[in-house]
Amino acid sequence: MLDKFITAVNHKYEGNMSNYDKLILQMLPEKFQHEKETLYERLLHICHYVSLLTDGNALELFETINGRKKV
């Protein structure tokens, strides 16, 4: 999950988002969609979001991202 979210956030920051990145970013809550200036801040921001997920929510999100569960 970290890889998918961080890649999408970095692509958004760099201005070369794919449609897949847009879908991934739609899964982030609104308060975690604010752009951060440095790579460190972006990494910390996404790690913070993932750390707040419960085990069940993390598993559900992982399955959705990897196409094992329909939205």
PDB file of N, CA and C in Angstrom:
ATOM      1  N   MET A   1       0.821  -1.187   0.000  1.00  0.00           N
ATOM      2  CA  MET A   1       0.000   0.000   0.000  1.00  0.00           C
ATOM      3  C   MET A   1       0.868   1.255   0.000  1.00  0.00           C
ATOM      4  N   LEU A   2       1.925   1.228   0.807  1.00  0.00           N
ATOM      5  CA  LEU A   2       2.790   2.401   0.854  1.00  0.00           C
ATOM      6  C   LEU A   2       3.334   2.731  -0.535  1.00  0.00           C
ATOM      7  N   ASP A   3       3.762   1.698  -1.247  1.00  0.00           N
ATOM      8  CA  ASP A   3       4.321   1.899  -2.579  1.00  0.00           C
ATOM      9  C   ASP A   3       3.301   2.558  -3.505  1.00  0.00           C
ATOM     10  N   LYS A   4       2.090   2.054  -3.510  1.00  0.00           N
ATOM     11  CA  LYS A   4       1.052   2.587  -4.413  1.00  0.00           C
ATOM     12  C   LYS A   4       0.708   4.035  -4.068  1.00  0.00           C
ATOM     13  N   PHE A   5       0.484   4.302  -2.770  1.00  0.00           N
ATOM     14  CA  PHE A   5       0.111   5.655  -2.354  1.00  0.00           C
ATOM     15  C   PHE A   5       1.252   6.648  -2.573  1.00  0.00           C
ATOM     16  N   ILE A   6       2.455   6.268  -2.191  1.00  0.00           N
ATOM     17  CA  ILE A   6       3.588   7.184  -2.329  1.00  0.00           C
ATOM     18  C   ILE A   6       3.876   7.470  -3.793  1.00  0.00           C
ATOM     19  N   THR A   7       3.800   6.447  -4.631  1.00  0.00           N
ATOM     20  CA  THR A   7       4.006   6.652  -6.061  1.00  0.00           C
ATOM     21  C   THR A   7       2.968   7.611  -6.624  1.00  0.00           C
ATOM     22  N   ALA A   8       1.716   7.420  -6.261  1.00  0.00           N
ATOM     23  CA  ALA A   8       0.645   8.286  -6.758  1.00  0.00           C
ATOM     24  C   ALA A   8       0.821   9.723  -6.280  1.00  0.00           C
ATOM     25  N   VAL A   9       1.170   9.896  -5.011  1.00  0.00           N
ATOM     26  CA  VAL A   9       1.370  11.239  -4.461  1.00  0.00           C
ATOM     27  C   VAL A   9       2.552  11.920  -5.137  1.00  0.00           C
ATOM     28  N   ASN A  10       3.629  11.191  -5.362  1.00  0.00           N
ATOM     29  CA  ASN A  10       4.796  11.771  -6.026  1.00  0.00           C
ATOM     30  C   ASN A  10       4.501  12.120  -7.481  1.00  0.00           C
ATOM     31  N   HIS A  11       3.752  11.275  -8.164  1.00  0.00           N
ATOM     32  CA  HIS A  11       3.380  11.583  -9.543  1.00  0.00           C
ATOM     33  C   HIS A  11       2.508  12.831  -9.599  1.00  0.00           C
ATOM     34  N   LYS A  12       1.615  12.972  -8.635  1.00  0.00           N
ATOM     35  CA  LYS A  12       0.769  14.174  -8.581  1.00  0.00           C
ATOM     36  C   LYS A  12       1.640  15.405  -8.353  1.00  0.00           C
ATOM     37  N   TYR A  13       2.597  15.308  -7.461  1.00  0.00           N
ATOM     38  CA  TYR A  13       3.490  16.426  -7.167  1.00  0.00           C
ATOM     39  C   TYR A  13       4.309  16.812  -8.402  1.00  0.00           C
ATOM     40  N   GLU A  14       4.764  15.796  -9.145  1.00  0.00           N
ATOM     41  CA  GLU A  14       5.592  16.031 -10.331  1.00  0.00           C
ATOM     42  C   GLU A  14       4.759  16.445 -11.548  1.00  0.00           C
ATOM     43  N   GLY A  15       3.436  16.273 -11.477  1.00  0.00           N
ATOM     44  CA  GLY A  15       2.563  16.677 -12.564  1.00  0.00           C
ATOM     45  C   GLY A  15       2.419  15.647 -13.664  1.00  0.00           C
ATOM     46  N   ASN A  16       2.734  14.390 -13.391  1.00  0.00           N
ATOM     47  CA  ASN A  16       2.580  13.345 -14.419  1.00  0.00           C
ATOM     48  C   ASN A  16       1.766  12.164 -13.888  1.00  0.00           C
ATOM     49  N   MET A  17       0.549  12.485 -13.428  1.00  0.00           N
ATOM     50  CA  MET A  17      -0.336  11.462 -12.883  1.00  0.00           C
ATOM     51  C   MET A  17      -0.968  10.630 -13.989  1.00  0.00           C
ATOM     52  N   SER A  18      -1.060   9.330 -13.735  1.00  0.00           N
ATOM     53  CA  SER A  18      -1.793   8.448 -14.636  1.00  0.00           C
ATOM     54  C   SER A  18      -3.217   8.306 -14.107  1.00  0.00           C
ATOM     55  N   ASN A  19      -4.060   7.660 -14.880  1.00  0.00           N
ATOM     56  CA  ASN A  19      -5.430   7.399 -14.411  1.00  0.00           C
ATOM     57  C   ASN A  19      -5.415   6.491 -13.189  1.00  0.00           C
ATOM     58  N   TYR A  20      -4.478   5.556 -13.157  1.00  0.00           N
ATOM     59  CA  TYR A  20      -4.355   4.661 -12.002  1.00  0.00           C
ATOM     60  C   TYR A  20      -4.002   5.468 -10.748  1.00  0.00           C
ATOM     61  N   ASP A  21      -3.093   6.427 -10.884  1.00  0.00           N
ATOM     62  CA  ASP A  21      -2.733   7.280  -9.749  1.00  0.00           C
ATOM     63  C   ASP A  21      -3.943   8.048  -9.241  1.00  0.00           C
ATOM     64  N   LYS A  22      -4.771   8.529 -10.160  1.00  0.00           N
ATOM     65  CA  LYS A  22      -5.976   9.261  -9.761  1.00  0.00           C
ATOM     66  C   LYS A  22      -6.920   8.365  -8.969  1.00  0.00           C
ATOM     67  N   LEU A  23      -7.062   7.112  -9.404  1.00  0.00           N
ATOM     68  CA  LEU A  23      -7.919   6.171  -8.681  1.00  0.00           C
ATOM     69  C   LEU A  23      -7.374   5.887  -7.287  1.00  0.00           C
ATOM     70  N   ILE A  24      -6.070   5.719  -7.194  1.00  0.00           N
ATOM     71  CA  ILE A  24      -5.437   5.460  -5.896  1.00  0.00           C
ATOM     72  C   ILE A  24      -5.650   6.646  -4.956  1.00  0.00           C
ATOM     73  N   LEU A  25      -5.466   7.851  -5.476  1.00  0.00           N
ATOM     74  CA  LEU A  25      -5.617   9.041  -4.635  1.00  0.00           C
ATOM     75  C   LEU A  25      -7.060   9.261  -4.197  1.00  0.00           C
ATOM     76  N   GLN A  26      -8.018   8.749  -4.955  1.00  0.00           N
ATOM     77  CA  GLN A  26      -9.424   8.859  -4.547  1.00  0.00           C
ATOM     78  C   GLN A  26      -9.708   8.027  -3.300  1.00  0.00           C
ATOM     79  N   MET A  27      -8.856   7.056  -3.019  1.00  0.00           N
ATOM     80  CA  MET A  27      -9.037   6.220  -1.834  1.00  0.00           C
ATOM     81  C   MET A  27      -8.537   6.903  -0.563  1.00  0.00           C
ATOM     82  N   LEU A  28      -7.739   7.954  -0.725  1.00  0.00           N
ATOM     83  CA  LEU A  28      -7.247   8.697   0.439  1.00  0.00           C
ATOM     84  C   LEU A  28      -8.338   9.611   0.981  1.00  0.00           C
ATOM     85  N   PRO A  29      -8.472   9.688   2.296  1.00  0.00           N
ATOM     86  CA  PRO A  29      -9.405  10.669   2.859  1.00  0.00           C
ATOM     87  C   PRO A  29      -8.981  12.087   2.473  1.00  0.00           C
ATOM     88  N   GLU A  30      -9.919  12.995   2.463  1.00  0.00           N
ATOM     89  CA  GLU A  30      -9.665  14.361   2.006  1.00  0.00           C
ATOM     90  C   GLU A  30      -8.539  15.039   2.789  1.00  0.00           C
ATOM     91  N   LYS A  31      -8.464  14.789   4.084  1.00  0.00           N
ATOM     92  CA  LYS A  31      -7.443  15.474   4.884  1.00  0.00           C
ATOM     93  C   LYS A  31      -6.023  14.991   4.568  1.00  0.00           C
ATOM     94  N   PHE A  32      -5.894  13.887   3.839  1.00  0.00           N
ATOM     95  CA  PHE A  32      -4.577  13.386   3.458  1.00  0.00           C
ATOM     96  C   PHE A  32      -4.261  13.677   1.995  1.00  0.00           C
ATOM     97  N   GLN A  33      -5.056  14.463   1.325  1.00  0.00           N
ATOM     98  CA  GLN A  33      -4.832  14.751  -0.084  1.00  0.00           C
ATOM     99  C   GLN A  33      -4.134  16.082  -0.322  1.00  0.00           C
ATOM    100  N   HIS A  34      -3.705  16.748   0.724  1.00  0.00           N
ATOM    101  CA  HIS A  34      -3.008  18.023   0.560  1.00  0.00           C
ATOM    102  C   HIS A  34      -1.571  17.764   0.121  1.00  0.00           C
ATOM    103  N   GLU A  35      -1.119  18.555  -0.845  1.00  0.00           N
ATOM    104  CA  GLU A  35       0.232  18.371  -1.358  1.00  0.00           C
ATOM    105  C   GLU A  35       1.265  18.867  -0.356  1.00  0.00           C
ATOM    106  N   LYS A  36       2.339  18.125  -0.241  1.00  0.00           N
ATOM    107  CA  LYS A  36       3.466  18.500   0.605  1.00  0.00           C
ATOM    108  C   LYS A  36       4.641  18.848  -0.298  1.00  0.00           C
ATOM    109  N   GLU A  37       5.463  19.766   0.146  1.00  0.00           N
ATOM    110  CA  GLU A  37       6.552  20.270  -0.684  1.00  0.00           C
ATOM    111  C   GLU A  37       7.719  19.295  -0.826  1.00  0.00           C
ATOM    112  N   THR A  38       8.138  18.693   0.271  1.00  0.00           N
ATOM    113  CA  THR A  38       9.340  17.851   0.202  1.00  0.00           C
ATOM    114  C   THR A  38       8.963  16.373   0.139  1.00  0.00           C
ATOM    115  N   LEU A  39       9.878  15.591  -0.381  1.00  0.00           N
ATOM    116  CA  LEU A  39       9.672  14.146  -0.435  1.00  0.00           C
ATOM    117  C   LEU A  39       9.489  13.581   0.972  1.00  0.00           C
ATOM    118  N   TYR A  40      10.274  14.058   1.905  1.00  0.00           N
ATOM    119  CA  TYR A  40      10.174  13.599   3.293  1.00  0.00           C
ATOM    120  C   TYR A  40       8.769  13.832   3.842  1.00  0.00           C
ATOM    121  N   GLU A  41       8.215  15.006   3.630  1.00  0.00           N
ATOM    122  CA  GLU A  41       6.870  15.309   4.119  1.00  0.00           C
ATOM    123  C   GLU A  41       5.823  14.423   3.466  1.00  0.00           C
ATOM    124  N   ARG A  42       5.986  14.160   2.161  1.00  0.00           N
ATOM    125  CA  ARG A  42       5.033  13.291   1.473  1.00  0.00           C
ATOM    126  C   ARG A  42       5.106  11.867   2.028  1.00  0.00           C
ATOM    127  N   LEU A  43       6.314  11.360   2.244  1.00  0.00           N
ATOM    128  CA  LEU A  43       6.484  10.020   2.818  1.00  0.00           C
ATOM    129  C   LEU A  43       5.882   9.943   4.213  1.00  0.00           C
ATOM    130  N   LEU A  44       6.173  10.931   5.023  1.00  0.00           N
ATOM    131  CA  LEU A  44       5.661  10.963   6.390  1.00  0.00           C
ATOM    132  C   LEU A  44       4.140  11.039   6.413  1.00  0.00           C
ATOM    133  N   HIS A  45       3.581  11.822   5.519  1.00  0.00           N
ATOM    134  CA  HIS A  45       2.134  12.013   5.445  1.00  0.00           C
ATOM    135  C   HIS A  45       1.423  10.697   5.096  1.00  0.00           C
ATOM    136  N   ILE A  46       1.930   9.976   4.107  1.00  0.00           N
ATOM    137  CA  ILE A  46       1.316   8.707   3.703  1.00  0.00           C
ATOM    138  C   ILE A  46       1.536   7.641   4.776  1.00  0.00           C
ATOM    139  N   CYS A  47       2.721   7.597   5.370  1.00  0.00           N
ATOM    140  CA  CYS A  47       2.979   6.638   6.453  1.00  0.00           C
ATOM    141  C   CYS A  47       2.036   6.882   7.621  1.00  0.00           C
ATOM    142  N   HIS A  48       1.766   8.142   7.897  1.00  0.00           N
ATOM    143  CA  HIS A  48       0.841   8.476   8.979  1.00  0.00           C
ATOM    144  C   HIS A  48      -0.559   7.939   8.676  1.00  0.00           C
ATOM    145  N   TYR A  49      -1.017   8.127   7.447  1.00  0.00           N
ATOM    146  CA  TYR A  49      -2.338   7.620   7.066  1.00  0.00           C
ATOM    147  C   TYR A  49      -2.409   6.100   7.224  1.00  0.00           C
ATOM    148  N   VAL A  50      -1.430   5.398   6.698  1.00  0.00           N
ATOM    149  CA  VAL A  50      -1.441   3.937   6.755  1.00  0.00           C
ATOM    150  C   VAL A  50      -1.359   3.461   8.208  1.00  0.00           C
ATOM    151  N   SER A  51      -0.612   4.166   9.045  1.00  0.00           N
ATOM    152  CA  SER A  51      -0.488   3.765  10.450  1.00  0.00           C
ATOM    153  C   SER A  51      -1.807   3.907  11.208  1.00  0.00           C
ATOM    154  N   LEU A  52      -2.693   4.769  10.738  1.00  0.00           N
ATOM    155  CA  LEU A  52      -3.983   4.970  11.397  1.00  0.00           C
ATOM    156  C   LEU A  52      -5.020   3.906  11.035  1.00  0.00           C
ATOM    157  N   LEU A  53      -4.758   3.126  10.005  1.00  0.00           N
ATOM    158  CA  LEU A  53      -5.715   2.109   9.576  1.00  0.00           C
ATOM    159  C   LEU A  53      -5.766   0.947  10.565  1.00  0.00           C
ATOM    160  N   THR A  54      -6.964   0.460  10.808  1.00  0.00           N
ATOM    161  CA  THR A  54      -7.086  -0.767  11.600  1.00  0.00           C
ATOM    162  C   THR A  54      -6.666  -1.941  10.723  1.00  0.00           C
ATOM    163  N   ASP A  55      -6.436  -3.082  11.330  1.00  0.00           N
ATOM    164  CA  ASP A  55      -6.027  -4.250  10.556  1.00  0.00           C
ATOM    165  C   ASP A  55      -7.053  -4.596   9.482  1.00  0.00           C
ATOM    166  N   GLY A  56      -8.320  -4.570   9.858  1.00  0.00           N
ATOM    167  CA  GLY A  56      -9.380  -4.907   8.908  1.00  0.00           C
ATOM    168  C   GLY A  56      -9.463  -3.920   7.757  1.00  0.00           C
ATOM    169  N   ASN A  57      -9.378  -2.632   8.083  1.00  0.00           N
ATOM    170  CA  ASN A  57      -9.423  -1.614   7.032  1.00  0.00           C
ATOM    171  C   ASN A  57      -8.203  -1.686   6.135  1.00  0.00           C
ATOM    172  N   ALA A  58      -7.050  -1.954   6.720  1.00  0.00           N
ATOM    173  CA  ALA A  58      -5.827  -2.073   5.920  1.00  0.00           C
ATOM    174  C   ALA A  58      -5.929  -3.252   4.959  1.00  0.00           C
ATOM    175  N   LEU A  59      -6.444  -4.363   5.438  1.00  0.00           N
ATOM    176  CA  LEU A  59      -6.594  -5.544   4.591  1.00  0.00           C
ATOM    177  C   LEU A  59      -7.598  -5.278   3.466  1.00  0.00           C
ATOM    178  N   GLU A  60      -8.697  -4.644   3.793  1.00  0.00           N
ATOM    179  CA  GLU A  60      -9.712  -4.320   2.787  1.00  0.00           C
ATOM    180  C   GLU A  60      -9.154  -3.371   1.729  1.00  0.00           C
ATOM    181  N   LEU A  61      -8.422  -2.360   2.151  1.00  0.00           N
ATOM    182  CA  LEU A  61      -7.822  -1.413   1.220  1.00  0.00           C
ATOM    183  C   LEU A  61      -6.772  -2.095   0.345  1.00  0.00           C
ATOM    184  N   PHE A  62      -5.974  -2.965   0.943  1.00  0.00           N
ATOM    185  CA  PHE A  62      -4.960  -3.716   0.199  1.00  0.00           C
ATOM    186  C   PHE A  62      -5.607  -4.578  -0.880  1.00  0.00           C
ATOM    187  N   GLU A  63      -6.682  -5.265  -0.532  1.00  0.00           N
ATOM    188  CA  GLU A  63      -7.375  -6.111  -1.497  1.00  0.00           C
ATOM    189  C   GLU A  63      -8.005  -5.281  -2.611  1.00  0.00           C
ATOM    190  N   THR A  64      -8.537  -4.113  -2.272  1.00  0.00           N
ATOM    191  CA  THR A  64      -9.126  -3.240  -3.288  1.00  0.00           C
ATOM    192  C   THR A  64      -8.051  -2.740  -4.248  1.00  0.00           C
ATOM    193  N   ILE A  65      -6.932  -2.305  -3.709  1.00  0.00           N
ATOM    194  CA  ILE A  65      -5.845  -1.787  -4.550  1.00  0.00           C
ATOM    195  C   ILE A  65      -5.310  -2.865  -5.477  1.00  0.00           C
ATOM    196  N   ASN A  66      -5.221  -4.093  -5.002  1.00  0.00           N
ATOM    197  CA  ASN A  66      -4.657  -5.165  -5.789  1.00  0.00           C
ATOM    198  C   ASN A  66      -5.687  -5.913  -6.630  1.00  0.00           C
ATOM    199  N   GLY A  67      -6.911  -5.399  -6.681  1.00  0.00           N
ATOM    200  CA  GLY A  67      -7.930  -5.959  -7.569  1.00  0.00           C
ATOM    201  C   GLY A  67      -8.561  -7.230  -7.091  1.00  0.00           C
ATOM    202  N   ARG A  68      -8.431  -7.542  -5.837  1.00  0.00           N
ATOM    203  CA  ARG A  68      -9.033  -8.761  -5.293  1.00  0.00           C
ATOM    204  C   ARG A  68     -10.423  -8.522  -4.745  1.00  0.00           C
ATOM    205  N   LYS A  69     -10.798  -7.253  -4.618  1.00  0.00           N
ATOM    206  CA  LYS A  69     -12.111  -6.909  -4.088  1.00  0.00           C
ATOM    207  C   LYS A  69     -12.688  -5.786  -4.917  1.00  0.00           C
ATOM    208  N   LYS A  70     -13.946  -5.880  -5.227  1.00  0.00           N
ATOM    209  CA  LYS A  70     -14.610  -4.828  -6.008  1.00  0.00           C
ATOM    210  C   LYS A  70     -15.039  -3.711  -5.074  1.00  0.00           C
ATOM    211  N   VAL A  71     -14.973  -2.491  -5.591  1.00  0.00           N
ATOM    212  CA  VAL A  71     -15.361  -1.321  -4.811  1.00  0.00           C
ATOM    213  C   VAL A  71     -16.852  -1.161  -4.823  1.00  0.00           C
TER     214      VAL A  71
END
